[in-house]
Amino acid sequence: MKKLLTLFSLLFSFTLCGAQELQLIEQKAADKVPFAKPFALQFSLSHTPGYEVTVAKDSLSKDFEITQMAAQRKSPGTLIYDFTALPFTLGKSTFTVTFNLTQNGKTTAQTKAEAYIDITPAKTFNDKNLREIRNPSIPASWLAWLIAALLLGALIYVLYAWYKKLHEKQLSVSNAPEDPRPGNEIALSQIDALLDSGLWENAQYKMFYNTLTDILREYLWRQLKIDASADTSAEILARIKTMPKLAPLRAQLRQFLSSGDLVKFAKAVPSLETRNRDIQLLREIIVETSPKELAPAQEIKK
């Protein structure tokens, strides 16, 4: 289903944009979330450099309350949008969002993303030993019920209006500040942060390797100005054949990318030894293509 969604988005973008391009290359969202509990969604986009990507707010699903939205640029042609949402409808729901590619206030292309999510009932405390402190009483007439219903409706409206106004202030898109450090230092620190993230310990291997390969793609852009954010593993290996810095490391890159593809697409479960080998390969690639004053690759955390 996700592959069909991505293909539809690509065709939709191409039809609208002509020479300009806006593509949804990846989306991350939970399959199930509890009712009224905040959850995260992430959409990765590839677009023609020099254009701005914005969210068409009227395209957002009414079944969800958006409490936070932020954009982070990875390269001139790639952008990641992160959302935090509250689900307010039980059962199968679809989170929808349309992204616009604009220049000088004019929309030149669009792409639509859809995430299918099962909203489960919130957990409640159900103990048969509990009972009311006093017996429930019935109002003397229907008028009392009507007044109570009107008061309850007015209270719900006031609370909802206050809640919406409060969270509208948080609904703003902000680009992350540019990291002034060299690309090699950023990449090595990102590897350390990934090892400390707990993803491996919680057996979230696919997300672990998604992040690990993203570190390589971001490093290629920051250090070598190679925008490989939308390239497949085969396309990356084909591009580096004639690059003096990367051509000698083609075997290491092939092994690293192949290992990641097995986990991300074939659902392979990597061993700790495989993980350590892949991290060491990435460190070696970074060190070999970095300025000579860079210190030797760090030891892998156990």
C-alpha atoms as a PDB file:
ATOM      1  CA  MET A   1       0.000   0.000   0.000  1.00  0.00           C
ATOM      2  CA  LYS A   2       2.826   2.428   0.866  1.00  0.00           C
ATOM      3  CA  LYS A   3       4.536   1.698  -2.458  1.00  0.00           C
ATOM      4  CA  LEU A   4       1.293   2.388  -4.367  1.00  0.00           C
ATOM      5  CA  LEU A   5       0.862   5.616  -2.387  1.00  0.00           C
ATOM      6  CA  THR A   6       4.383   6.764  -3.257  1.00  0.00           C
ATOM      7  CA  LEU A   7       3.835   5.928  -6.962  1.00  0.00           C
ATOM      8  CA  PHE A   8       0.554   7.887  -6.958  1.00  0.00           C
ATOM      9  CA  SER A   9       2.299  10.877  -5.378  1.00  0.00           C
ATOM     10  CA  LEU A  10       5.047  10.791  -8.004  1.00  0.00           C
ATOM     11  CA  LEU A  11       2.521  10.695 -10.881  1.00  0.00           C
ATOM     12  CA  PHE A  12       0.464  13.451  -9.259  1.00  0.00           C
ATOM     13  CA  SER A  13       3.569  15.656  -8.845  1.00  0.00           C
ATOM     14  CA  PHE A  14       4.746  15.132 -12.415  1.00  0.00           C
ATOM     15  CA  THR A  15       1.362  16.052 -13.894  1.00  0.00           C
ATOM     16  CA  LEU A  16       1.168  19.339 -12.007  1.00  0.00           C
ATOM     17  CA  CYS A  17       4.699  20.582 -11.983  1.00  0.00           C
ATOM     18  CA  GLY A  18       6.027  20.045 -15.538  1.00  0.00           C
ATOM     19  CA  ALA A  19       9.625  21.185 -15.301  1.00  0.00           C
ATOM     20  CA  GLN A  20       9.398  21.570 -11.528  1.00  0.00           C
ATOM     21  CA  GLU A  21       9.445  18.425  -9.403  1.00  0.00           C
ATOM     22  CA  LEU A  22       7.995  17.605  -5.976  1.00  0.00           C
ATOM     23  CA  GLN A  23       8.085  13.992  -4.789  1.00  0.00           C
ATOM     24  CA  LEU A  24       7.203  12.134  -1.591  1.00  0.00           C
ATOM     25  CA  ILE A  25      10.126   9.738  -1.119  1.00  0.00           C
ATOM     26  CA  GLU A  26       9.305   8.301   2.316  1.00  0.00           C
ATOM     27  CA  GLN A  27       6.740   8.528   5.100  1.00  0.00           C
ATOM     28  CA  LYS A  28       6.818   7.204   8.641  1.00  0.00           C
ATOM     29  CA  ALA A  29       3.726   6.753  10.836  1.00  0.00           C
ATOM     30  CA  ALA A  30       2.466   4.235  13.375  1.00  0.00           C
ATOM     31  CA  ASP A  31      -0.120   1.671  12.231  1.00  0.00           C
ATOM     32  CA  LYS A  32      -2.100   1.943  15.486  1.00  0.00           C
ATOM     33  CA  VAL A  33      -2.419   4.734  18.053  1.00  0.00           C
ATOM     34  CA  PRO A  34      -4.710   5.171  21.093  1.00  0.00           C
ATOM     35  CA  PHE A  35      -7.572   7.646  20.980  1.00  0.00           C
ATOM     36  CA  ALA A  36      -6.556  11.239  21.918  1.00  0.00           C
ATOM     37  CA  LYS A  37      -2.897  10.272  22.469  1.00  0.00           C
ATOM     38  CA  PRO A  38      -0.242  12.365  20.636  1.00  0.00           C
ATOM     39  CA  PHE A  39       1.747  10.533  17.965  1.00  0.00           C
ATOM     40  CA  ALA A  40       4.383  11.485  15.393  1.00  0.00           C
ATOM     41  CA  LEU A  41       4.382  11.388  11.591  1.00  0.00           C
ATOM     42  CA  GLN A  42       7.271  12.160   9.239  1.00  0.00           C
ATOM     43  CA  PHE A  43       7.282  12.856   5.501  1.00  0.00           C
ATOM     44  CA  SER A  44      10.470  13.085   3.397  1.00  0.00           C
ATOM     45  CA  LEU A  45      10.234  15.146   0.199  1.00  0.00           C
ATOM     46  CA  SER A  46      12.463  15.648  -2.828  1.00  0.00           C
ATOM     47  CA  HIS A  47      11.975  18.802  -4.910  1.00  0.00           C
ATOM     48  CA  THR A  48      13.534  21.108  -7.474  1.00  0.00           C
ATOM     49  CA  PRO A  49      16.179  23.235  -5.653  1.00  0.00           C
ATOM     50  CA  GLY A  50      15.426  26.936  -5.313  1.00  0.00           C
ATOM     51  CA  TYR A  51      11.742  26.428  -4.540  1.00  0.00           C
ATOM     52  CA  GLU A  52       9.883  26.488  -1.214  1.00  0.00           C
ATOM     53  CA  VAL A  53       7.789  23.585   0.076  1.00  0.00           C
ATOM     54  CA  THR A  54       4.747  24.516   2.173  1.00  0.00           C
ATOM     55  CA  VAL A  55       1.793  22.677   3.695  1.00  0.00           C
ATOM     56  CA  ALA A  56      -1.718  23.288   2.361  1.00  0.00           C
ATOM     57  CA  LYS A  57      -3.364  23.581   5.768  1.00  0.00           C
ATOM     58  CA  ASP A  58      -6.877  23.118   4.389  1.00  0.00           C
ATOM     59  CA  SER A  59      -5.804  19.642   3.172  1.00  0.00           C
ATOM     60  CA  LEU A  60      -5.134  18.347   6.700  1.00  0.00           C
ATOM     61  CA  SER A  61      -7.566  15.663   7.884  1.00  0.00           C
ATOM     62  CA  LYS A  62     -10.287  16.896  10.229  1.00  0.00           C
ATOM     63  CA  ASP A  63     -10.033  13.656  12.231  1.00  0.00           C
ATOM     64  CA  PHE A  64      -6.740  14.846  13.751  1.00  0.00           C
ATOM     65  CA  GLU A  65      -5.675  17.887  15.741  1.00  0.00           C
ATOM     66  CA  ILE A  66      -2.193  19.036  14.673  1.00  0.00           C
ATOM     67  CA  THR A  67      -0.297  20.239  17.738  1.00  0.00           C
ATOM     68  CA  GLN A  68       3.120  20.717  16.183  1.00  0.00           C
ATOM     69  CA  MET A  69       4.609  20.922  12.692  1.00  0.00           C
ATOM     70  CA  ALA A  70       8.255  21.475  11.771  1.00  0.00           C
ATOM     71  CA  ALA A  71      10.384  21.303   8.620  1.00  0.00           C
ATOM     72  CA  GLN A  72      14.065  20.368   8.473  1.00  0.00           C
ATOM     73  CA  ARG A  73      16.104  20.793   5.306  1.00  0.00           C
ATOM     74  CA  LYS A  74      18.644  18.035   4.544  1.00  0.00           C
ATOM     75  CA  SER A  75      19.940  19.477   1.254  1.00  0.00           C
ATOM     76  CA  PRO A  76      18.850  22.076  -1.343  1.00  0.00           C
ATOM     77  CA  GLY A  77      16.539  19.490  -2.875  1.00  0.00           C
ATOM     78  CA  THR A  78      15.307  17.538   0.151  1.00  0.00           C
ATOM     79  CA  LEU A  79      13.115  18.399   3.120  1.00  0.00           C
ATOM     80  CA  ILE A  80      11.655  16.481   6.061  1.00  0.00           C
ATOM     81  CA  TYR A  81       8.329  17.489   7.627  1.00  0.00           C
ATOM     82  CA  ASP A  82       7.538  16.291  11.153  1.00  0.00           C
ATOM     83  CA  PHE A  83       4.001  16.399  12.588  1.00  0.00           C
ATOM     84  CA  THR A  84       2.592  15.717  16.044  1.00  0.00           C
ATOM     85  CA  ALA A  85      -1.133  14.942  15.979  1.00  0.00           C
ATOM     86  CA  LEU A  86      -3.997  13.981  18.288  1.00  0.00           C
ATOM     87  CA  PRO A  87      -6.548  11.477  16.876  1.00  0.00           C
ATOM     88  CA  PHE A  88     -10.205  12.181  17.717  1.00  0.00           C
ATOM     89  CA  THR A  89     -12.010   9.493  15.690  1.00  0.00           C
ATOM     90  CA  LEU A  90     -12.117   5.791  16.567  1.00  0.00           C
ATOM     91  CA  GLY A  91     -11.495   3.101  13.966  1.00  0.00           C
ATOM     92  CA  LYS A  92      -9.762   3.350  10.608  1.00  0.00           C
ATOM     93  CA  SER A  93      -8.715   6.919   9.801  1.00  0.00           C
ATOM     94  CA  THR A  94      -6.617   8.526   7.098  1.00  0.00           C
ATOM     95  CA  PHE A  95      -4.160  11.297   7.864  1.00  0.00           C
ATOM     96  CA  THR A  96      -3.939  13.438   4.728  1.00  0.00           C
ATOM     97  CA  VAL A  97      -1.673  16.352   3.871  1.00  0.00           C
ATOM     98  CA  THR A  98      -0.887  18.145   0.609  1.00  0.00           C
ATOM     99  CA  PHE A  99       2.486  19.799   0.038  1.00  0.00           C
ATOM    100  CA  ASN A 100       2.880  22.766  -2.334  1.00  0.00           C
ATOM    101  CA  LEU A 101       6.007  23.680  -4.302  1.00  0.00           C
ATOM    102  CA  THR A 102       6.021  27.481  -4.535  1.00  0.00           C
ATOM    103  CA  GLN A 103       8.162  30.307  -5.849  1.00  0.00           C
ATOM    104  CA  ASN A 104       7.364  33.990  -5.378  1.00  0.00           C
ATOM    105  CA  GLY A 105       4.029  33.014  -3.836  1.00  0.00           C
ATOM    106  CA  LYS A 106       2.965  30.937  -6.855  1.00  0.00           C
ATOM    107  CA  THR A 107       2.294  27.192  -6.581  1.00  0.00           C
ATOM    108  CA  THR A 108       4.042  25.232  -9.356  1.00  0.00           C
ATOM    109  CA  ALA A 109       3.554  21.660  -8.140  1.00  0.00           C
ATOM    110  CA  GLN A 110       1.738  19.606  -5.491  1.00  0.00           C
ATOM    111  CA  THR A 111       1.996  16.165  -3.966  1.00  0.00           C
ATOM    112  CA  LYS A 112      -0.401  14.453  -1.565  1.00  0.00           C
ATOM    113  CA  ALA A 113       0.485  12.075   1.261  1.00  0.00           C
ATOM    114  CA  GLU A 114      -1.884   9.685   3.071  1.00  0.00           C
ATOM    115  CA  ALA A 115      -1.177   7.613   6.172  1.00  0.00           C
ATOM    116  CA  TYR A 116      -3.706   4.913   7.147  1.00  0.00           C
ATOM    117  CA  ILE A 117      -3.983   4.625  10.928  1.00  0.00           C
ATOM    118  CA  ASP A 118      -6.136   2.484  13.229  1.00  0.00           C
ATOM    119  CA  ILE A 119      -7.346   4.559  16.202  1.00  0.00           C
ATOM    120  CA  THR A 120      -7.920   2.246  19.175  1.00  0.00           C
ATOM    121  CA  PRO A 121      -9.992   3.086  22.287  1.00  0.00           C
ATOM    122  CA  ALA A 122      -8.131   4.676  25.176  1.00  0.00           C
ATOM    123  CA  LYS A 123      -7.339   2.413  28.110  1.00  0.00           C
ATOM    124  CA  THR A 124      -9.749   2.836  31.006  1.00  0.00           C
ATOM    125  CA  PHE A 125      -9.699   1.619  34.585  1.00  0.00           C
ATOM    126  CA  ASN A 126     -12.275  -1.144  34.895  1.00  0.00           C
ATOM    127  CA  ASP A 127     -12.492  -2.728  38.322  1.00  0.00           C
ATOM    128  CA  LYS A 128     -15.668  -4.622  39.228  1.00  0.00           C
ATOM    129  CA  ASN A 129     -14.992  -4.018  42.935  1.00  0.00           C
ATOM    130  CA  LEU A 130     -15.482  -0.261  42.513  1.00  0.00           C
ATOM    131  CA  ARG A 131     -18.927   1.219  43.151  1.00  0.00           C
ATOM    132  CA  GLU A 132     -20.482   4.649  43.442  1.00  0.00           C
ATOM    133  CA  ILE A 133     -20.080   6.477  46.760  1.00  0.00           C
ATOM    134  CA  ARG A 134     -23.820   7.094  46.663  1.00  0.00           C
ATOM    135  CA  ASN A 135     -26.596   5.708  44.513  1.00  0.00           C
ATOM    136  CA  PRO A 136     -27.260   7.589  41.281  1.00  0.00           C
ATOM    137  CA  SER A 137     -30.332   9.806  41.335  1.00  0.00           C
ATOM    138  CA  ILE A 138     -32.667  10.714  38.468  1.00  0.00           C
ATOM    139  CA  PRO A 139     -33.695  14.380  38.000  1.00  0.00           C
ATOM    140  CA  ALA A 140     -37.278  15.179  38.833  1.00  0.00           C
ATOM    141  CA  SER A 141     -38.220  16.162  35.252  1.00  0.00           C
ATOM    142  CA  TRP A 142     -37.022  16.301  31.631  1.00  0.00           C
ATOM    143  CA  LEU A 143     -36.361  20.026  32.050  1.00  0.00           C
ATOM    144  CA  ALA A 144     -33.489  19.290  34.427  1.00  0.00           C
ATOM    145  CA  TRP A 145     -31.969  16.961  31.833  1.00  0.00           C
ATOM    146  CA  LEU A 146     -32.305  19.608  29.120  1.00  0.00           C
ATOM    147  CA  ILE A 147     -30.636  22.278  31.236  1.00  0.00           C
ATOM    148  CA  ALA A 148     -27.820  19.905  32.175  1.00  0.00           C
ATOM    149  CA  ALA A 149     -27.274  18.986  28.499  1.00  0.00           C
ATOM    150  CA  LEU A 150     -27.169  22.654  27.458  1.00  0.00           C
ATOM    151  CA  LEU A 151     -24.697  23.515  30.205  1.00  0.00           C
ATOM    152  CA  LEU A 152     -22.517  20.540  29.286  1.00  0.00           C
ATOM    153  CA  GLY A 153     -22.594  21.515  25.600  1.00  0.00           C
ATOM    154  CA  ALA A 154     -21.627  25.103  26.431  1.00  0.00           C
ATOM    155  CA  LEU A 155     -18.756  23.868  28.623  1.00  0.00           C
ATOM    156  CA  ILE A 156     -17.455  21.547  25.881  1.00  0.00           C
ATOM    157  CA  TYR A 157     -17.596  24.386  23.324  1.00  0.00           C
ATOM    158  CA  VAL A 158     -15.673  26.781  25.576  1.00  0.00           C
ATOM    159  CA  LEU A 159     -13.018  24.156  26.362  1.00  0.00           C
ATOM    160  CA  TYR A 160     -12.618  23.207  22.704  1.00  0.00           C
ATOM    161  CA  ALA A 161     -12.303  26.874  21.616  1.00  0.00           C
ATOM    162  CA  TRP A 162      -9.674  27.468  24.296  1.00  0.00           C
ATOM    163  CA  TYR A 163      -7.782  24.313  23.357  1.00  0.00           C
ATOM    164  CA  LYS A 164      -7.794  25.155  19.639  1.00  0.00           C
ATOM    165  CA  LYS A 165      -6.624  28.726  20.240  1.00  0.00           C
ATOM    166  CA  LEU A 166      -3.827  27.520  22.516  1.00  0.00           C
ATOM    167  CA  HIS A 167      -2.466  24.983  20.021  1.00  0.00           C
ATOM    168  CA  GLU A 168      -2.805  27.207  16.967  1.00  0.00           C
ATOM    169  CA  LYS A 169       0.066  29.242  18.404  1.00  0.00           C
ATOM    170  CA  GLN A 170       2.276  26.140  18.215  1.00  0.00           C
ATOM    171  CA  LEU A 171       1.306  25.369  14.578  1.00  0.00           C
ATOM    172  CA  SER A 172       4.269  26.998  12.868  1.00  0.00           C
ATOM    173  CA  VAL A 173       6.917  25.733  10.485  1.00  0.00           C
ATOM    174  CA  SER A 174      10.499  26.492  11.450  1.00  0.00           C
ATOM    175  CA  ASN A 175      13.690  25.491   9.676  1.00  0.00           C
ATOM    176  CA  ALA A 176      16.335  24.026  11.950  1.00  0.00           C
ATOM    177  CA  PRO A 177      19.400  26.283  12.381  1.00  0.00           C
ATOM    178  CA  GLU A 178      22.380  25.344  10.261  1.00  0.00           C
ATOM    179  CA  ASP A 179      25.049  23.368  12.113  1.00  0.00           C
ATOM    180  CA  PRO A 180      28.370  25.265  11.683  1.00  0.00           C
ATOM    181  CA  ARG A 181      30.571  22.195  12.259  1.00  0.00           C
ATOM    182  CA  PRO A 182      32.336  20.387   9.387  1.00  0.00           C
ATOM    183  CA  GLY A 183      30.377  17.585   7.747  1.00  0.00           C
ATOM    184  CA  ASN A 184      32.648  14.847   9.113  1.00  0.00           C
ATOM    185  CA  GLU A 185      32.227  16.014  12.716  1.00  0.00           C
ATOM    186  CA  ILE A 186      28.440  16.187  12.313  1.00  0.00           C
ATOM    187  CA  ALA A 187      28.274  12.685  10.824  1.00  0.00           C
ATOM    188  CA  LEU A 188      30.442  11.095  13.530  1.00  0.00           C
ATOM    189  CA  SER A 189      28.393  12.770  16.267  1.00  0.00           C
ATOM    190  CA  GLN A 190      25.187  11.541  14.583  1.00  0.00           C
ATOM    191  CA  ILE A 191      26.503   7.968  14.687  1.00  0.00           C
ATOM    192  CA  ASP A 192      27.176   8.310  18.435  1.00  0.00           C
ATOM    193  CA  ALA A 193      23.687   9.767  18.970  1.00  0.00           C
ATOM    194  CA  LEU A 194      22.134   6.869  17.043  1.00  0.00           C
ATOM    195  CA  LEU A 195      23.946   4.321  19.206  1.00  0.00           C
ATOM    196  CA  ASP A 196      22.627   6.105  22.310  1.00  0.00           C
ATOM    197  CA  SER A 197      19.061   6.433  20.962  1.00  0.00           C
ATOM    198  CA  GLY A 198      17.830   3.047  22.227  1.00  0.00           C
ATOM    199  CA  LEU A 199      16.513   2.008  18.794  1.00  0.00           C
ATOM    200  CA  TRP A 200      18.799  -1.028  18.656  1.00  0.00           C
ATOM    201  CA  GLU A 201      17.994  -2.104  22.219  1.00  0.00           C
ATOM    202  CA  ASN A 202      14.245  -1.857  21.436  1.00  0.00           C
ATOM    203  CA  ALA A 203      14.686  -4.034  18.303  1.00  0.00           C
ATOM    204  CA  GLN A 204      13.675  -1.191  15.962  1.00  0.00           C
ATOM    205  CA  TYR A 205      16.169  -2.367  13.379  1.00  0.00           C
ATOM    206  CA  LYS A 206      14.519  -0.850  10.303  1.00  0.00           C
ATOM    207  CA  MET A 207      14.419   2.635  11.823  1.00  0.00           C
ATOM    208  CA  PHE A 208      18.001   2.173  13.064  1.00  0.00           C
ATOM    209  CA  TYR A 209      19.266   1.394   9.554  1.00  0.00           C
ATOM    210  CA  ASN A 210      17.086   4.096   7.972  1.00  0.00           C
ATOM    211  CA  THR A 211      18.796   6.616  10.213  1.00  0.00           C
ATOM    212  CA  LEU A 212      22.239   5.093   9.607  1.00  0.00           C
ATOM    213  CA  THR A 213      21.937   5.367   5.809  1.00  0.00           C
ATOM    214  CA  ASP A 214      20.481   8.875   6.145  1.00  0.00           C
ATOM    215  CA  ILE A 215      23.677   9.869   7.979  1.00  0.00           C
ATOM    216  CA  LEU A 216      25.692   8.745   4.933  1.00  0.00           C
ATOM    217  CA  ARG A 217      23.454  10.641   2.479  1.00  0.00           C
ATOM    218  CA  GLU A 218      23.573  13.821   4.563  1.00  0.00           C
ATOM    219  CA  TYR A 219      27.357  13.498   4.898  1.00  0.00           C
ATOM    220  CA  LEU A 220      27.783  13.134   1.130  1.00  0.00           C
ATOM    221  CA  TRP A 221      25.950  16.419   0.683  1.00  0.00           C
ATOM    222  CA  ARG A 222      27.634  18.363   3.490  1.00  0.00           C
ATOM    223  CA  GLN A 223      31.195  17.205   2.836  1.00  0.00           C
ATOM    224  CA  LEU A 224      31.267  16.405  -0.898  1.00  0.00           C
ATOM    225  CA  LYS A 225      28.232  18.339  -2.252  1.00  0.00           C
ATOM    226  CA  ILE A 226      26.698  15.124  -3.634  1.00  0.00           C
ATOM    227  CA  ASP A 227      22.907  15.230  -3.353  1.00  0.00           C
ATOM    228  CA  ALA A 228      22.086  11.513  -3.050  1.00  0.00           C
ATOM    229  CA  SER A 229      18.982  12.013  -0.919  1.00  0.00           C
ATOM    230  CA  ALA A 230      16.634  10.521  -3.528  1.00  0.00           C
ATOM    231  CA  ASP A 231      19.111   7.992  -5.022  1.00  0.00           C
ATOM    232  CA  THR A 232      18.861   4.231  -4.621  1.00  0.00           C
ATOM    233  CA  SER A 233      21.887   2.244  -3.499  1.00  0.00           C
ATOM    234  CA  ALA A 234      22.624   1.242  -7.106  1.00  0.00           C
ATOM    235  CA  GLU A 235      22.428   4.865  -8.260  1.00  0.00           C
ATOM    236  CA  ILE A 236      24.854   5.986  -5.565  1.00  0.00           C
ATOM    237  CA  LEU A 237      27.372   3.291  -6.538  1.00  0.00           C
ATOM    238  CA  ALA A 238      27.042   4.240 -10.224  1.00  0.00           C
ATOM    239  CA  ARG A 239      27.666   7.931  -9.515  1.00  0.00           C
ATOM    240  CA  ILE A 240      30.883   7.454  -7.557  1.00  0.00           C
ATOM    241  CA  LYS A 241      32.729   5.486 -10.252  1.00  0.00           C
ATOM    242  CA  THR A 242      34.434   8.621 -11.583  1.00  0.00           C
ATOM    243  CA  MET A 243      34.847  10.455  -8.253  1.00  0.00           C
ATOM    244  CA  PRO A 244      38.482  10.363  -7.076  1.00  0.00           C
ATOM    245  CA  LYS A 245      37.636  10.484  -3.370  1.00  0.00           C
ATOM    246  CA  LEU A 246      34.906   7.855  -3.423  1.00  0.00           C
ATOM    247  CA  ALA A 247      35.873   5.469  -6.217  1.00  0.00           C
ATOM    248  CA  PRO A 248      38.514   3.633  -4.068  1.00  0.00           C
ATOM    249  CA  LEU A 249      35.833   3.120  -1.388  1.00  0.00           C
ATOM    250  CA  ARG A 250      33.259   1.602  -3.727  1.00  0.00           C
ATOM    251  CA  ALA A 251      33.566  -1.883  -2.220  1.00  0.00           C
ATOM    252  CA  GLN A 252      33.021  -0.581   1.322  1.00  0.00           C
ATOM    253  CA  LEU A 253      30.051   1.513   0.164  1.00  0.00           C
ATOM    254  CA  ARG A 254      28.509  -1.475  -1.633  1.00  0.00           C
ATOM    255  CA  GLN A 255      28.794  -3.657   1.475  1.00  0.00           C
ATOM    256  CA  PHE A 256      27.381  -0.917   3.715  1.00  0.00           C
ATOM    257  CA  LEU A 257      24.429  -0.089   1.425  1.00  0.00           C
ATOM    258  CA  SER A 258      23.626  -3.763   0.721  1.00  0.00           C
ATOM    259  CA  SER A 259      23.487  -4.532   4.428  1.00  0.00           C
ATOM    260  CA  GLY A 260      21.136  -1.602   5.005  1.00  0.00           C
ATOM    261  CA  ASP A 261      18.849  -2.625   2.115  1.00  0.00           C
ATOM    262  CA  LEU A 262      18.484  -6.133   3.543  1.00  0.00           C
ATOM    263  CA  VAL A 263      17.187  -4.706   6.825  1.00  0.00           C
ATOM    264  CA  LYS A 264      15.022  -1.939   5.332  1.00  0.00           C
ATOM    265  CA  PHE A 265      13.443  -3.807   2.438  1.00  0.00           C
ATOM    266  CA  ALA A 266      13.905  -7.553   3.085  1.00  0.00           C
ATOM    267  CA  LYS A 267      13.126  -7.268   6.826  1.00  0.00           C
ATOM    268  CA  ALA A 268      16.351  -9.047   7.741  1.00  0.00           C
ATOM    269  CA  VAL A 269      17.233  -9.100  11.454  1.00  0.00           C
ATOM    270  CA  PRO A 270      20.878  -8.016  11.789  1.00  0.00           C
ATOM    271  CA  SER A 271      23.216  -9.398  14.406  1.00  0.00           C
ATOM    272  CA  LEU A 272      25.243  -7.215  16.748  1.00  0.00           C
ATOM    273  CA  GLU A 273      28.374  -8.158  14.812  1.00  0.00           C
ATOM    274  CA  THR A 274      26.743  -7.010  11.550  1.00  0.00           C
ATOM    275  CA  ARG A 275      25.692  -3.728  13.128  1.00  0.00           C
ATOM    276  CA  ASN A 276      29.211  -3.081  14.461  1.00  0.00           C
ATOM    277  CA  ARG A 277      30.736  -3.921  11.082  1.00  0.00           C
ATOM    278  CA  ASP A 278      28.386  -1.539   9.246  1.00  0.00           C
ATOM    279  CA  ILE A 279      29.041   1.291  11.684  1.00  0.00           C
ATOM    280  CA  GLN A 280      32.785   0.744  11.345  1.00  0.00           C
ATOM    281  CA  LEU A 281      32.436   0.806   7.536  1.00  0.00           C
ATOM    282  CA  LEU A 282      30.599   4.131   7.707  1.00  0.00           C
ATOM    283  CA  ARG A 283      33.216   5.601  10.044  1.00  0.00           C
ATOM    284  CA  GLU A 284      35.995   4.497   7.666  1.00  0.00           C
ATOM    285  CA  ILE A 285      34.225   6.071   4.676  1.00  0.00           C
ATOM    286  CA  ILE A 286      33.851   9.348   6.581  1.00  0.00           C
ATOM    287  CA  VAL A 287      37.470   9.380   7.743  1.00  0.00           C
ATOM    288  CA  GLU A 288      38.891   8.480   4.321  1.00  0.00           C
ATOM    289  CA  THR A 289      36.972  11.282   2.589  1.00  0.00           C
ATOM    290  CA  SER A 290      37.523  13.910   5.311  1.00  0.00           C
ATOM    291  CA  PRO A 291      40.352  16.421   5.768  1.00  0.00           C
ATOM    292  CA  LYS A 292      43.608  14.710   6.774  1.00  0.00           C
ATOM    293  CA  GLU A 293      43.646  16.301  10.226  1.00  0.00           C
ATOM    294  CA  LEU A 294      40.583  14.294  11.268  1.00  0.00           C
ATOM    295  CA  ALA A 295      41.328  11.885  14.106  1.00  0.00           C
ATOM    296  CA  PRO A 296      41.119   8.096  13.446  1.00  0.00           C
ATOM    297  CA  ALA A 297      37.727   6.424  13.527  1.00  0.00           C
ATOM    298  CA  GLN A 298      36.316   6.032  17.039  1.00  0.00           C
ATOM    299  CA  GLU A 299      35.717   2.730  18.726  1.00  0.00           C
ATOM    300  CA  ILE A 300      32.260   1.239  18.346  1.00  0.00           C
ATOM    301  CA  LYS A 301      30.078   1.319  21.440  1.00  0.00           C
ATOM    302  CA  LYS A 302      29.104  -2.069  22.708  1.00  0.00           C
END
